[in-house]
Amino acid sequence: MKTKIDFKSSQEEYTDSEKIQLLVLARNIIETYLKSGQEIEPEIKNEKFLRPRGVFVTLTKKDKLRGCIGYIEPIKPLAQAIKDNAIAAATLDNRFLPVSVDELNDLKVEISILTLPQADTIENIIKEKRGVILRQGNRGATYLPQVWNELSDPKVFFTTLCAKGGLPDDCYLDSETEIRSYQAVVFSEK
């Protein structure tokens, strides 16, 4: 089992030990589910893990995205949200076939714990490299803050986000588009 982590945020709301516990939890949940079809219920004593938080679980294989699912809003306790989204990232991301047991050793787990989304301006989002939610009617999409590492050009970032949501490429310039941002504590297995 991998226990080293790669920290990608200066926000230290969670200790290194807590981050490792959450990564181990996510990996154990994925492995148990893929091997047996059983969903294990996290046994949580840490009060921080019982607080509702928005969270995404991202899986990569050889540095390529293999699955990413999450809750933007804090609708469930953190440990439960990690459980739900770890299983979903491995089995329900419609961009990929479900992860197989044979892939487990090649997977890297990343967790993003989100702040509450707030209305924001394009300028501030670009300056702060925040995660973004675009919504217009019942269509919308989000990019986690770490997507800026791959799509550093603001125009490319926002046009591809609009396209991801099934909206016109320039939807981020439309006054009808709701724009909210968030930050994330991001950590992953090495």
N, C-alpha and C. Protein backbone atom coordinates (compact mmCIF):
# COMPACT_ATOMS: atom_id res chain seq x y z
N MET A 1 0.85 -1.18 0.00
CA MET A 1 0.00 0.00 0.00
C MET A 1 0.89 1.24 0.00
N LYS A 2 0.54 2.22 -0.81
CA LYS A 2 1.31 3.46 -0.91
C LYS A 2 0.92 4.39 0.23
N THR A 3 1.92 4.98 0.90
CA THR A 3 1.58 5.89 2.00
C THR A 3 2.19 7.28 1.83
N LYS A 4 3.09 7.45 0.89
CA LYS A 4 3.63 8.78 0.65
C LYS A 4 2.59 9.59 -0.10
N ILE A 5 2.63 10.90 0.11
CA ILE A 5 1.67 11.76 -0.58
C ILE A 5 2.38 12.94 -1.20
N ASP A 6 1.76 13.47 -2.21
CA ASP A 6 2.28 14.63 -2.93
C ASP A 6 1.32 15.78 -2.63
N PHE A 7 1.79 16.79 -1.91
CA PHE A 7 0.93 17.90 -1.52
C PHE A 7 0.93 18.96 -2.60
N LYS A 8 -0.28 19.39 -3.00
CA LYS A 8 -0.42 20.37 -4.06
C LYS A 8 -1.15 21.61 -3.57
N SER A 9 -1.22 21.80 -2.28
CA SER A 9 -1.93 22.96 -1.74
C SER A 9 -1.21 23.44 -0.50
N SER A 10 -1.17 24.75 -0.33
CA SER A 10 -0.56 25.29 0.89
C SER A 10 -1.56 25.32 2.03
N GLN A 11 -2.82 25.02 1.74
CA GLN A 11 -3.83 25.01 2.79
C GLN A 11 -3.61 23.78 3.65
N GLU A 12 -3.41 23.98 4.93
CA GLU A 12 -3.11 22.86 5.81
C GLU A 12 -4.23 22.61 6.81
N GLU A 13 -5.44 22.57 6.31
CA GLU A 13 -6.59 22.28 7.15
C GLU A 13 -6.53 20.85 7.69
N TYR A 14 -5.88 19.97 6.96
CA TYR A 14 -5.73 18.58 7.35
C TYR A 14 -4.25 18.28 7.56
N THR A 15 -3.95 17.49 8.58
CA THR A 15 -2.56 17.13 8.84
C THR A 15 -2.09 16.12 7.80
N ASP A 16 -0.78 15.92 7.72
CA ASP A 16 -0.24 14.92 6.81
C ASP A 16 -0.82 13.54 7.14
N SER A 17 -0.92 13.23 8.41
CA SER A 17 -1.47 11.94 8.85
C SER A 17 -2.93 11.78 8.41
N GLU A 18 -3.72 12.85 8.53
CA GLU A 18 -5.13 12.78 8.12
C GLU A 18 -5.24 12.59 6.61
N LYS A 19 -4.38 13.25 5.86
CA LYS A 19 -4.40 13.09 4.40
C LYS A 19 -4.07 11.65 4.02
N ILE A 20 -3.07 11.08 4.68
CA ILE A 20 -2.71 9.68 4.41
C ILE A 20 -3.87 8.76 4.77
N GLN A 21 -4.54 9.02 5.89
CA GLN A 21 -5.70 8.20 6.28
C GLN A 21 -6.79 8.25 5.21
N LEU A 22 -7.04 9.43 4.66
CA LEU A 22 -8.08 9.57 3.64
C LEU A 22 -7.69 8.87 2.34
N LEU A 23 -6.42 8.95 1.96
CA LEU A 23 -5.95 8.26 0.76
C LEU A 23 -6.03 6.74 0.93
N VAL A 24 -5.63 6.26 2.10
CA VAL A 24 -5.72 4.82 2.38
C VAL A 24 -7.18 4.38 2.36
N LEU A 25 -8.05 5.19 2.95
CA LEU A 25 -9.49 4.90 2.94
C LEU A 25 -9.99 4.76 1.50
N ALA A 26 -9.69 5.74 0.66
CA ALA A 26 -10.16 5.72 -0.73
C ALA A 26 -9.63 4.48 -1.46
N ARG A 27 -8.34 4.20 -1.31
CA ARG A 27 -7.76 3.03 -1.99
C ARG A 27 -8.41 1.74 -1.49
N ASN A 28 -8.57 1.59 -0.18
CA ASN A 28 -9.19 0.38 0.36
C ASN A 28 -10.62 0.20 -0.13
N ILE A 29 -11.35 1.30 -0.22
CA ILE A 29 -12.73 1.24 -0.71
C ILE A 29 -12.75 0.77 -2.15
N ILE A 30 -11.88 1.34 -2.99
CA ILE A 30 -11.82 0.95 -4.40
C ILE A 30 -11.42 -0.52 -4.54
N GLU A 31 -10.36 -0.92 -3.85
CA GLU A 31 -9.88 -2.31 -3.95
C GLU A 31 -10.95 -3.30 -3.50
N THR A 32 -11.58 -3.02 -2.36
CA THR A 32 -12.62 -3.92 -1.85
C THR A 32 -13.78 -4.02 -2.83
N TYR A 33 -14.20 -2.88 -3.36
CA TYR A 33 -15.34 -2.89 -4.28
C TYR A 33 -15.01 -3.64 -5.57
N LEU A 34 -13.84 -3.40 -6.13
CA LEU A 34 -13.48 -4.06 -7.39
C LEU A 34 -13.26 -5.56 -7.21
N LYS A 35 -12.73 -5.96 -6.06
CA LYS A 35 -12.43 -7.38 -5.84
C LYS A 35 -13.65 -8.19 -5.40
N SER A 36 -14.57 -7.54 -4.65
CA SER A 36 -15.67 -8.32 -4.07
C SER A 36 -17.06 -7.77 -4.39
N GLY A 37 -17.12 -6.56 -4.91
CA GLY A 37 -18.43 -5.94 -5.15
C GLY A 37 -19.05 -5.39 -3.87
N GLN A 38 -18.32 -5.49 -2.75
CA GLN A 38 -18.83 -5.01 -1.47
C GLN A 38 -18.43 -3.57 -1.21
N GLU A 39 -19.35 -2.80 -0.67
CA GLU A 39 -19.05 -1.43 -0.25
C GLU A 39 -18.77 -1.45 1.24
N ILE A 40 -17.55 -1.08 1.60
CA ILE A 40 -17.23 -1.03 3.03
C ILE A 40 -17.64 0.33 3.58
N GLU A 41 -18.17 0.29 4.79
CA GLU A 41 -18.55 1.53 5.45
C GLU A 41 -17.35 2.02 6.26
N PRO A 42 -16.94 3.26 6.02
CA PRO A 42 -15.80 3.78 6.77
C PRO A 42 -16.11 3.87 8.27
N GLU A 43 -15.18 3.37 9.09
CA GLU A 43 -15.31 3.51 10.55
C GLU A 43 -14.50 4.75 10.92
N ILE A 44 -15.21 5.82 11.22
CA ILE A 44 -14.58 7.13 11.39
C ILE A 44 -14.70 7.60 12.83
N LYS A 45 -13.57 8.01 13.37
CA LYS A 45 -13.56 8.61 14.71
C LYS A 45 -13.15 10.08 14.65
N ASN A 46 -12.46 10.47 13.59
CA ASN A 46 -11.99 11.84 13.46
C ASN A 46 -13.16 12.75 13.10
N GLU A 47 -13.42 13.75 13.93
CA GLU A 47 -14.55 14.65 13.72
C GLU A 47 -14.47 15.38 12.38
N LYS A 48 -13.26 15.70 11.92
CA LYS A 48 -13.11 16.39 10.62
C LYS A 48 -13.67 15.56 9.48
N PHE A 49 -13.58 14.25 9.58
CA PHE A 49 -14.03 13.35 8.52
C PHE A 49 -15.55 13.18 8.52
N LEU A 50 -16.19 13.67 9.58
CA LEU A 50 -17.64 13.57 9.69
C LEU A 50 -18.34 14.85 9.24
N ARG A 51 -17.57 15.90 8.99
CA ARG A 51 -18.15 17.18 8.54
C ARG A 51 -18.48 17.11 7.05
N PRO A 52 -19.64 17.62 6.66
CA PRO A 52 -19.97 17.64 5.23
C PRO A 52 -18.97 18.50 4.45
N ARG A 53 -18.47 17.97 3.34
CA ARG A 53 -17.53 18.69 2.47
C ARG A 53 -17.77 18.27 1.03
N GLY A 54 -17.54 19.22 0.13
CA GLY A 54 -17.47 18.88 -1.28
C GLY A 54 -16.14 18.17 -1.49
N VAL A 55 -16.15 17.12 -2.30
CA VAL A 55 -14.91 16.36 -2.52
C VAL A 55 -14.95 15.67 -3.87
N PHE A 56 -13.79 15.62 -4.51
CA PHE A 56 -13.62 14.86 -5.75
C PHE A 56 -12.55 13.81 -5.52
N VAL A 57 -12.74 12.64 -6.12
CA VAL A 57 -11.71 11.61 -6.15
C VAL A 57 -11.31 11.46 -7.62
N THR A 58 -10.01 11.62 -7.86
CA THR A 58 -9.46 11.51 -9.20
C THR A 58 -8.52 10.32 -9.25
N LEU A 59 -8.66 9.52 -10.29
CA LEU A 59 -7.78 8.37 -10.50
C LEU A 59 -6.97 8.62 -11.76
N THR A 60 -5.67 8.38 -11.68
CA THR A 60 -4.82 8.46 -12.86
C THR A 60 -4.07 7.15 -13.00
N LYS A 61 -3.71 6.87 -14.24
CA LYS A 61 -2.93 5.68 -14.56
C LYS A 61 -1.83 6.13 -15.51
N LYS A 62 -0.60 6.00 -15.07
CA LYS A 62 0.56 6.45 -15.85
C LYS A 62 0.39 7.92 -16.26
N ASP A 63 0.01 8.74 -15.30
CA ASP A 63 -0.17 10.18 -15.44
C ASP A 63 -1.29 10.58 -16.40
N LYS A 64 -2.18 9.65 -16.74
CA LYS A 64 -3.34 9.97 -17.57
C LYS A 64 -4.61 9.76 -16.76
N LEU A 65 -5.56 10.67 -16.96
CA LEU A 65 -6.83 10.57 -16.24
C LEU A 65 -7.49 9.22 -16.50
N ARG A 66 -7.96 8.61 -15.41
CA ARG A 66 -8.63 7.30 -15.52
C ARG A 66 -10.04 7.34 -14.94
N GLY A 67 -10.34 8.41 -14.20
CA GLY A 67 -11.67 8.59 -13.64
C GLY A 67 -11.66 9.75 -12.67
N CYS A 68 -12.75 10.52 -12.66
CA CYS A 68 -12.85 11.65 -11.73
C CYS A 68 -14.32 11.95 -11.51
N ILE A 69 -14.75 11.81 -10.27
CA ILE A 69 -16.14 12.05 -9.91
C ILE A 69 -16.14 12.75 -8.54
N GLY A 70 -17.12 13.63 -8.34
CA GLY A 70 -17.17 14.28 -7.05
C GLY A 70 -18.46 15.00 -6.78
N TYR A 71 -18.53 15.53 -5.57
CA TYR A 71 -19.61 16.39 -5.13
C TYR A 71 -19.04 17.79 -4.96
N ILE A 72 -19.60 18.76 -5.65
CA ILE A 72 -19.15 20.14 -5.50
C ILE A 72 -19.63 20.70 -4.16
N GLU A 73 -20.86 20.42 -3.83
CA GLU A 73 -21.45 20.94 -2.60
C GLU A 73 -21.21 19.96 -1.44
N PRO A 74 -21.20 20.45 -0.21
CA PRO A 74 -21.00 19.59 0.95
C PRO A 74 -22.29 18.88 1.35
N ILE A 75 -22.66 17.86 0.58
CA ILE A 75 -23.94 17.19 0.81
C ILE A 75 -23.83 15.97 1.70
N LYS A 76 -22.61 15.48 1.93
CA LYS A 76 -22.41 14.31 2.79
C LYS A 76 -21.16 14.51 3.63
N PRO A 77 -21.05 13.78 4.74
CA PRO A 77 -19.81 13.82 5.51
C PRO A 77 -18.63 13.43 4.63
N LEU A 78 -17.47 14.01 4.91
CA LEU A 78 -16.28 13.81 4.08
C LEU A 78 -15.99 12.34 3.82
N ALA A 79 -15.95 11.51 4.85
CA ALA A 79 -15.61 10.09 4.65
C ALA A 79 -16.62 9.40 3.74
N GLN A 80 -17.90 9.71 3.91
CA GLN A 80 -18.94 9.11 3.07
C GLN A 80 -18.82 9.61 1.63
N ALA A 81 -18.53 10.90 1.47
CA ALA A 81 -18.37 11.47 0.13
C ALA A 81 -17.17 10.84 -0.58
N ILE A 82 -16.09 10.60 0.17
CA ILE A 82 -14.92 9.93 -0.43
C ILE A 82 -15.30 8.51 -0.85
N LYS A 83 -16.03 7.81 0.00
CA LYS A 83 -16.47 6.46 -0.35
C LYS A 83 -17.28 6.46 -1.64
N ASP A 84 -18.32 7.29 -1.70
CA ASP A 84 -19.18 7.35 -2.88
C ASP A 84 -18.39 7.67 -4.14
N ASN A 85 -17.53 8.68 -4.03
CA ASN A 85 -16.84 9.17 -5.22
C ASN A 85 -15.65 8.31 -5.62
N ALA A 86 -15.05 7.60 -4.67
CA ALA A 86 -13.98 6.66 -5.02
C ALA A 86 -14.55 5.53 -5.87
N ILE A 87 -15.67 4.97 -5.43
CA ILE A 87 -16.31 3.90 -6.21
C ILE A 87 -16.78 4.42 -7.56
N ALA A 88 -17.39 5.60 -7.55
CA ALA A 88 -17.90 6.17 -8.81
C ALA A 88 -16.77 6.49 -9.78
N ALA A 89 -15.67 7.04 -9.29
CA ALA A 89 -14.54 7.36 -10.18
C ALA A 89 -13.99 6.09 -10.82
N ALA A 90 -14.00 4.98 -10.08
CA ALA A 90 -13.47 3.72 -10.60
C ALA A 90 -14.45 3.00 -11.52
N THR A 91 -15.75 3.26 -11.36
CA THR A 91 -16.73 2.43 -12.08
C THR A 91 -17.77 3.18 -12.91
N LEU A 92 -17.98 4.47 -12.63
CA LEU A 92 -19.10 5.17 -13.27
C LEU A 92 -18.74 6.39 -14.11
N ASP A 93 -17.47 6.75 -14.22
CA ASP A 93 -17.11 7.89 -15.06
C ASP A 93 -17.35 7.47 -16.51
N ASN A 94 -18.36 8.09 -17.14
CA ASN A 94 -18.79 7.64 -18.47
C ASN A 94 -17.78 7.93 -19.58
N ARG A 95 -16.68 8.59 -19.25
CA ARG A 95 -15.63 8.81 -20.24
C ARG A 95 -14.72 7.59 -20.39
N PHE A 96 -14.84 6.64 -19.45
CA PHE A 96 -13.93 5.49 -19.40
C PHE A 96 -14.69 4.20 -19.12
N LEU A 97 -14.08 3.08 -19.50
CA LEU A 97 -14.58 1.79 -19.05
C LEU A 97 -14.28 1.67 -17.56
N PRO A 98 -15.03 0.86 -16.82
CA PRO A 98 -14.74 0.69 -15.40
C PRO A 98 -13.30 0.18 -15.19
N VAL A 99 -12.71 0.60 -14.09
CA VAL A 99 -11.36 0.14 -13.73
C VAL A 99 -11.44 -1.35 -13.43
N SER A 100 -10.42 -2.09 -13.87
CA SER A 100 -10.37 -3.52 -13.59
C SER A 100 -9.42 -3.77 -12.41
N VAL A 101 -9.57 -4.94 -11.79
CA VAL A 101 -8.70 -5.33 -10.68
C VAL A 101 -7.24 -5.30 -11.13
N ASP A 102 -6.98 -5.70 -12.38
CA ASP A 102 -5.60 -5.73 -12.91
C ASP A 102 -4.95 -4.35 -12.95
N GLU A 103 -5.74 -3.30 -12.93
CA GLU A 103 -5.20 -1.94 -13.00
C GLU A 103 -4.85 -1.35 -11.63
N LEU A 104 -5.25 -1.98 -10.56
CA LEU A 104 -5.12 -1.38 -9.23
C LEU A 104 -3.70 -0.93 -8.90
N ASN A 105 -2.70 -1.73 -9.23
CA ASN A 105 -1.32 -1.37 -8.90
C ASN A 105 -0.82 -0.17 -9.70
N ASP A 106 -1.45 0.11 -10.83
CA ASP A 106 -1.03 1.24 -11.67
C ASP A 106 -1.80 2.52 -11.39
N LEU A 107 -2.81 2.44 -10.53
CA LEU A 107 -3.64 3.61 -10.24
C LEU A 107 -3.01 4.49 -9.18
N LYS A 108 -3.20 5.78 -9.35
CA LYS A 108 -2.82 6.75 -8.33
C LYS A 108 -4.10 7.47 -7.92
N VAL A 109 -4.33 7.57 -6.62
CA VAL A 109 -5.52 8.21 -6.08
C VAL A 109 -5.19 9.64 -5.66
N GLU A 110 -6.05 10.57 -6.06
CA GLU A 110 -5.92 11.97 -5.65
C GLU A 110 -7.26 12.40 -5.06
N ILE A 111 -7.21 13.17 -3.98
CA ILE A 111 -8.41 13.68 -3.33
C ILE A 111 -8.35 15.20 -3.33
N SER A 112 -9.47 15.82 -3.69
CA SER A 112 -9.61 17.27 -3.66
C SER A 112 -10.77 17.60 -2.73
N ILE A 113 -10.48 18.26 -1.61
CA ILE A 113 -11.51 18.66 -0.66
C ILE A 113 -11.79 20.14 -0.91
N LEU A 114 -13.03 20.45 -1.26
CA LEU A 114 -13.39 21.78 -1.76
C LEU A 114 -13.89 22.72 -0.67
N THR A 115 -13.64 24.00 -0.90
CA THR A 115 -14.29 25.04 -0.10
C THR A 115 -15.69 25.25 -0.69
N LEU A 116 -16.53 25.97 0.03
CA LEU A 116 -17.86 26.28 -0.49
C LEU A 116 -17.75 27.16 -1.73
N PRO A 117 -18.41 26.81 -2.83
CA PRO A 117 -18.38 27.67 -4.02
C PRO A 117 -19.03 29.02 -3.75
N GLN A 118 -18.45 30.06 -4.35
CA GLN A 118 -18.97 31.42 -4.20
C GLN A 118 -18.96 32.12 -5.54
N ALA A 119 -19.87 33.09 -5.70
CA ALA A 119 -19.86 33.89 -6.92
C ALA A 119 -18.50 34.57 -7.05
N ASP A 120 -18.01 34.68 -8.28
CA ASP A 120 -16.68 35.22 -8.48
C ASP A 120 -16.58 35.85 -9.87
N THR A 121 -15.48 36.55 -10.09
CA THR A 121 -15.23 37.17 -11.40
C THR A 121 -14.18 36.35 -12.15
N ILE A 122 -14.23 36.44 -13.46
CA ILE A 122 -13.24 35.75 -14.30
C ILE A 122 -11.83 36.20 -13.92
N GLU A 123 -11.66 37.50 -13.72
CA GLU A 123 -10.34 38.04 -13.41
C GLU A 123 -9.77 37.44 -12.13
N ASN A 124 -10.59 37.35 -11.09
CA ASN A 124 -10.13 36.78 -9.82
C ASN A 124 -9.83 35.29 -9.96
N ILE A 125 -10.68 34.59 -10.70
CA ILE A 125 -10.46 33.15 -10.91
C ILE A 125 -9.13 32.91 -11.60
N ILE A 126 -8.83 33.70 -12.62
CA ILE A 126 -7.56 33.56 -13.34
C ILE A 126 -6.39 33.89 -12.42
N LYS A 127 -6.51 34.98 -11.70
CA LYS A 127 -5.43 35.42 -10.81
C LYS A 127 -5.13 34.39 -9.73
N GLU A 128 -6.17 33.84 -9.12
CA GLU A 128 -6.03 32.92 -7.99
C GLU A 128 -5.95 31.45 -8.43
N LYS A 129 -6.16 31.18 -9.73
CA LYS A 129 -6.15 29.80 -10.25
C LYS A 129 -7.12 28.91 -9.45
N ARG A 130 -8.34 29.38 -9.36
CA ARG A 130 -9.38 28.69 -8.59
C ARG A 130 -10.11 27.67 -9.45
N GLY A 131 -10.78 26.75 -8.78
CA GLY A 131 -11.71 25.86 -9.46
C GLY A 131 -12.92 26.67 -9.89
N VAL A 132 -13.59 26.23 -10.95
CA VAL A 132 -14.68 27.02 -11.53
C VAL A 132 -15.90 26.15 -11.78
N ILE A 133 -17.06 26.74 -11.54
CA ILE A 133 -18.34 26.15 -11.93
C ILE A 133 -19.02 27.14 -12.85
N LEU A 134 -19.36 26.69 -14.05
CA LEU A 134 -20.16 27.50 -14.97
C LEU A 134 -21.53 26.84 -15.06
N ARG A 135 -22.59 27.65 -14.99
CA ARG A 135 -23.94 27.12 -15.09
C ARG A 135 -24.81 28.10 -15.87
N GLN A 136 -25.57 27.52 -16.80
CA GLN A 136 -26.53 28.30 -17.58
C GLN A 136 -27.76 27.41 -17.73
N GLY A 137 -28.85 27.80 -17.07
CA GLY A 137 -30.03 26.94 -17.06
C GLY A 137 -29.70 25.64 -16.37
N ASN A 138 -30.04 24.51 -17.03
CA ASN A 138 -29.75 23.21 -16.41
C ASN A 138 -28.47 22.58 -16.96
N ARG A 139 -27.65 23.37 -17.63
CA ARG A 139 -26.36 22.88 -18.13
C ARG A 139 -25.23 23.54 -17.36
N GLY A 140 -24.17 22.79 -17.18
CA GLY A 140 -23.04 23.36 -16.48
C GLY A 140 -21.88 22.39 -16.42
N ALA A 141 -20.77 22.86 -15.91
CA ALA A 141 -19.57 22.04 -15.79
C ALA A 141 -18.64 22.67 -14.77
N THR A 142 -17.69 21.86 -14.31
CA THR A 142 -16.68 22.36 -13.38
C THR A 142 -15.31 21.86 -13.79
N TYR A 143 -14.30 22.65 -13.45
CA TYR A 143 -12.91 22.23 -13.51
C TYR A 143 -12.33 22.45 -12.12
N LEU A 144 -11.62 21.44 -11.63
CA LEU A 144 -10.91 21.57 -10.36
C LEU A 144 -9.75 22.55 -10.53
N PRO A 145 -9.26 23.16 -9.45
CA PRO A 145 -8.16 24.12 -9.57
C PRO A 145 -6.92 23.54 -10.27
N GLN A 146 -6.65 22.26 -10.07
CA GLN A 146 -5.44 21.69 -10.65
C GLN A 146 -5.50 21.57 -12.18
N VAL A 147 -6.67 21.78 -12.79
CA VAL A 147 -6.76 21.76 -14.25
C VAL A 147 -5.95 22.92 -14.85
N TRP A 148 -5.75 23.97 -14.05
CA TRP A 148 -4.90 25.09 -14.51
C TRP A 148 -3.49 24.61 -14.87
N ASN A 149 -3.03 23.52 -14.24
CA ASN A 149 -1.70 22.99 -14.55
C ASN A 149 -1.61 22.47 -15.98
N GLU A 150 -2.73 22.01 -16.52
CA GLU A 150 -2.76 21.48 -17.88
C GLU A 150 -3.28 22.50 -18.89
N LEU A 151 -4.19 23.35 -18.47
CA LEU A 151 -4.81 24.34 -19.36
C LEU A 151 -4.52 25.73 -18.80
N SER A 152 -3.28 26.17 -18.91
CA SER A 152 -2.87 27.44 -18.29
C SER A 152 -3.34 28.67 -19.04
N ASP A 153 -3.69 28.52 -20.31
CA ASP A 153 -4.19 29.66 -21.09
C ASP A 153 -5.66 29.89 -20.69
N PRO A 154 -5.98 31.07 -20.13
CA PRO A 154 -7.35 31.31 -19.66
C PRO A 154 -8.42 31.09 -20.73
N LYS A 155 -8.16 31.50 -21.96
CA LYS A 155 -9.17 31.33 -23.00
C LYS A 155 -9.43 29.85 -23.26
N VAL A 156 -8.38 29.06 -23.34
CA VAL A 156 -8.53 27.61 -23.55
C VAL A 156 -9.24 26.99 -22.35
N PHE A 157 -8.83 27.40 -21.15
CA PHE A 157 -9.45 26.89 -19.93
C PHE A 157 -10.96 27.11 -19.96
N PHE A 158 -11.39 28.34 -20.21
CA PHE A 158 -12.81 28.65 -20.15
C PHE A 158 -13.59 28.12 -21.35
N THR A 159 -13.02 28.15 -22.55
CA THR A 159 -13.77 27.64 -23.71
C THR A 159 -13.97 26.13 -23.62
N THR A 160 -12.96 25.41 -23.14
CA THR A 160 -13.14 23.96 -23.01
C THR A 160 -14.10 23.62 -21.86
N LEU A 161 -14.12 24.45 -20.82
CA LEU A 161 -15.07 24.24 -19.74
C LEU A 161 -16.50 24.45 -20.24
N CYS A 162 -16.70 25.49 -21.04
CA CYS A 162 -18.03 25.71 -21.64
C CYS A 162 -18.44 24.51 -22.49
N ALA A 163 -17.52 24.03 -23.33
CA ALA A 163 -17.81 22.88 -24.19
C ALA A 163 -18.13 21.65 -23.35
N LYS A 164 -17.40 21.44 -22.26
CA LYS A 164 -17.64 20.31 -21.36
C LYS A 164 -19.09 20.34 -20.85
N GLY A 165 -19.61 21.54 -20.60
CA GLY A 165 -20.97 21.68 -20.11
C GLY A 165 -22.03 21.69 -21.19
N GLY A 166 -21.61 21.48 -22.46
CA GLY A 166 -22.57 21.50 -23.57
C GLY A 166 -23.07 22.90 -23.88
N LEU A 167 -22.24 23.89 -23.58
CA LEU A 167 -22.60 25.29 -23.80
C LEU A 167 -21.74 25.88 -24.91
N PRO A 168 -22.15 27.01 -25.47
CA PRO A 168 -21.31 27.66 -26.48
C PRO A 168 -19.93 27.98 -25.91
N ASP A 169 -18.90 27.94 -26.76
CA ASP A 169 -17.52 28.13 -26.31
C ASP A 169 -17.29 29.44 -25.56
N ASP A 170 -18.09 30.45 -25.84
CA ASP A 170 -17.89 31.74 -25.17
C ASP A 170 -18.91 31.96 -24.05
N CYS A 171 -19.49 30.90 -23.51
CA CYS A 171 -20.53 31.03 -22.49
C CYS A 171 -20.05 31.80 -21.27
N TYR A 172 -18.76 31.73 -20.99
CA TYR A 172 -18.23 32.41 -19.79
C TYR A 172 -18.30 33.93 -19.93
N LEU A 173 -18.50 34.43 -21.13
CA LEU A 173 -18.63 35.87 -21.35
C LEU A 173 -20.09 36.33 -21.33
N ASP A 174 -21.02 35.39 -21.30
CA ASP A 174 -22.45 35.66 -21.34
C ASP A 174 -22.95 36.04 -19.95
N SER A 175 -23.67 37.14 -19.83
CA SER A 175 -24.17 37.60 -18.53
C SER A 175 -25.19 36.62 -17.93
N GLU A 176 -25.74 35.73 -18.74
CA GLU A 176 -26.69 34.72 -18.27
C GLU A 176 -26.00 33.54 -17.58
N THR A 177 -24.69 33.46 -17.71
CA THR A 177 -23.94 32.33 -17.13
C THR A 177 -23.58 32.65 -15.69
N GLU A 178 -23.95 31.74 -14.80
CA GLU A 178 -23.56 31.86 -13.39
C GLU A 178 -22.13 31.33 -13.27
N ILE A 179 -21.27 32.13 -12.65
CA ILE A 179 -19.87 31.74 -12.47
C ILE A 179 -19.57 31.74 -10.98
N ARG A 180 -19.17 30.56 -10.49
CA ARG A 180 -18.76 30.42 -9.09
C ARG A 180 -17.38 29.77 -9.06
N SER A 181 -16.67 30.03 -7.98
CA SER A 181 -15.34 29.44 -7.84
C SER A 181 -15.17 28.82 -6.47
N TYR A 182 -14.14 28.02 -6.36
CA TYR A 182 -13.80 27.38 -5.10
C TYR A 182 -12.32 27.08 -5.08
N GLN A 183 -11.81 26.83 -3.89
CA GLN A 183 -10.44 26.38 -3.73
C GLN A 183 -10.49 24.93 -3.27
N ALA A 184 -9.34 24.28 -3.25
CA ALA A 184 -9.32 22.89 -2.84
C ALA A 184 -8.03 22.55 -2.12
N VAL A 185 -8.13 21.70 -1.14
CA VAL A 185 -6.97 21.05 -0.55
C VAL A 185 -6.79 19.78 -1.37
N VAL A 186 -5.67 19.69 -2.09
CA VAL A 186 -5.44 18.59 -3.03
C VAL A 186 -4.23 17.80 -2.57
N PHE A 187 -4.38 16.49 -2.49
CA PHE A 187 -3.27 15.62 -2.12
C PHE A 187 -3.44 14.26 -2.79
N SER A 188 -2.32 13.61 -3.06
CA SER A 188 -2.39 12.36 -3.80
C SER A 188 -1.30 11.39 -3.38
N GLU A 189 -1.50 10.15 -3.77
CA GLU A 189 -0.46 9.15 -3.60
C GLU A 189 0.69 9.51 -4.53
N LYS A 190 1.88 9.12 -4.13
CA LYS A 190 3.03 9.34 -5.03
C LYS A 190 3.19 8.19 -5.95
